[in-house]
Protein backbone atom coordinates (compact mmCIF):
# COMPACT_ATOMS: atom_id res chain seq x y z
CA MET A 1 204.30 -10.25 56.28
CA THR A 2 202.42 -13.42 58.25
CA SER A 3 197.98 -13.30 58.08
CA GLN A 4 198.39 -12.00 61.92
CA ASN A 5 200.17 -8.55 61.36
CA ILE A 6 197.47 -7.56 58.26
CA VAL A 7 195.46 -5.27 59.75
CA ASP A 8 192.06 -5.01 57.83
CA LYS A 9 191.52 -1.52 57.15
CA ARG A 10 188.08 -1.64 55.74
CA ILE A 11 185.35 0.96 56.22
CA PRO A 12 181.89 -0.64 55.83
CA LEU A 13 179.88 1.64 53.51
CA LYS A 14 176.49 1.72 53.23
CA VAL A 15 175.42 2.62 49.58
CA VAL A 16 171.37 3.54 48.73
CA CYS A 17 169.15 4.42 45.73
CA TRP A 18 166.21 6.53 45.85
CA ASN A 19 163.89 7.75 43.08
CA VAL A 20 163.44 11.26 44.09
CA ARG A 21 161.14 12.78 41.08
CA THR A 22 158.55 12.60 43.29
CA LEU A 23 159.66 15.99 45.06
CA GLN A 24 160.97 18.41 42.36
CA ASP A 25 158.27 21.24 42.85
CA SER A 26 159.05 22.06 39.32
CA ASN A 27 160.50 21.74 36.09
CA LYS A 28 160.77 25.11 34.49
CA CYS A 29 163.43 26.64 36.93
CA GLU A 30 167.01 26.49 35.80
CA TYR A 31 168.33 25.54 39.38
CA PRO A 32 168.34 22.32 40.19
CA GLN A 33 165.15 21.98 42.99
CA SER A 34 167.36 20.50 45.55
CA ARG A 35 167.67 22.75 47.64
CA HIS A 36 164.16 22.64 48.38
CA TRP A 37 163.94 18.61 48.63
CA SER A 38 168.00 17.98 49.66
CA PRO A 39 167.46 18.72 53.34
CA LEU A 40 164.59 15.68 53.23
CA VAL A 41 166.36 13.43 51.66
CA ALA A 42 169.38 13.94 54.38
CA LEU A 43 167.05 13.90 56.34
CA GLN A 44 165.73 10.27 55.79
CA LEU A 45 169.73 9.21 54.60
CA ALA A 46 170.46 9.95 58.03
CA ARG A 47 167.33 8.16 59.43
CA LEU A 48 169.28 4.85 57.42
CA GLU A 49 172.64 5.82 58.31
CA ALA A 50 173.56 5.76 54.61
CA ASP A 51 177.43 6.82 53.55
CA ILE A 52 176.38 7.59 50.17
CA ALA A 53 173.49 8.06 47.59
CA ALA A 54 172.37 7.67 44.23
CA LEU A 55 169.49 9.60 43.04
CA VAL A 56 167.60 8.44 40.52
CA ARG A 57 165.55 10.39 38.34
CA CYS A 58 166.67 13.61 39.18
CA ALA A 59 167.91 15.13 35.52
CA CYS A 60 169.05 18.48 36.57
CA GLN A 61 170.40 20.72 33.38
CA ILE A 62 173.60 21.75 34.87
CA LYS A 63 176.19 20.50 37.37
CA GLY A 64 177.78 21.31 40.79
CA MET A 65 177.33 20.77 43.99
CA LEU A 66 175.28 22.06 47.00
CA THR A 67 175.92 21.88 51.33
CA GLU A 68 173.50 23.36 53.28
CA LYS A 69 175.16 25.26 56.50
CA GLY A 70 175.57 22.36 59.33
CA ALA A 71 174.56 19.96 56.83
CA VAL A 72 175.67 15.77 57.42
CA TYR A 73 175.24 15.62 53.65
CA THR A 74 176.50 17.31 50.07
CA PHE A 75 174.24 16.64 46.65
CA TYR A 76 176.41 16.74 43.95
CA TRP A 77 174.87 16.76 40.07
CA SER A 78 175.64 16.56 36.73
CA GLY A 79 173.15 17.18 33.67
CA SER A 80 172.95 17.32 30.07
CA CYS A 81 172.71 20.97 28.84
CA SER A 82 169.54 20.79 26.65
CA LYS A 83 166.42 23.05 28.35
CA GLU A 84 164.49 21.03 26.60
CA HIS A 85 164.76 17.53 27.43
CA ARG A 86 166.64 17.08 31.22
CA GLN A 87 166.86 12.64 30.53
CA THR A 88 170.11 12.56 31.99
CA GLY A 89 171.95 13.26 34.60
CA MET A 90 173.97 11.73 37.43
CA ASN A 91 173.09 13.31 41.26
CA PHE A 92 174.72 11.83 44.35
CA MET A 93 174.55 12.86 47.86
CA ILE A 94 177.59 11.66 50.04
CA LYS A 95 178.32 12.56 53.79
CA GLN A 96 180.88 15.15 54.23
CA SER A 97 183.01 13.05 56.28
CA LEU A 98 183.63 10.56 53.55
CA ALA A 99 184.06 13.15 50.93
CA LYS A 100 186.68 14.96 52.75
CA LYS A 101 189.14 11.69 52.79
CA LEU A 102 188.68 11.23 48.87
């Protein structure tokens, strides 16, 4: 194959990072407060045309995912099991169109 026959199929991704600590309502609820602020984050991500967003300082206690009806993004989270210290965890939002390709 010559270099003229090679087609570049890479798709550029826009990855962002956001400290969402200020969007949390309370640390007392076992269910993550993402249900309240995920639409706000999704609106801003759409405005920025972001494909993937790492969400810093969410500190969700359990793990799971949340997709709002008609939403462009899905929120994924995983945190520690400790009810006292919710200082660790992984949280991100990804475009549904991209997630379907994974």
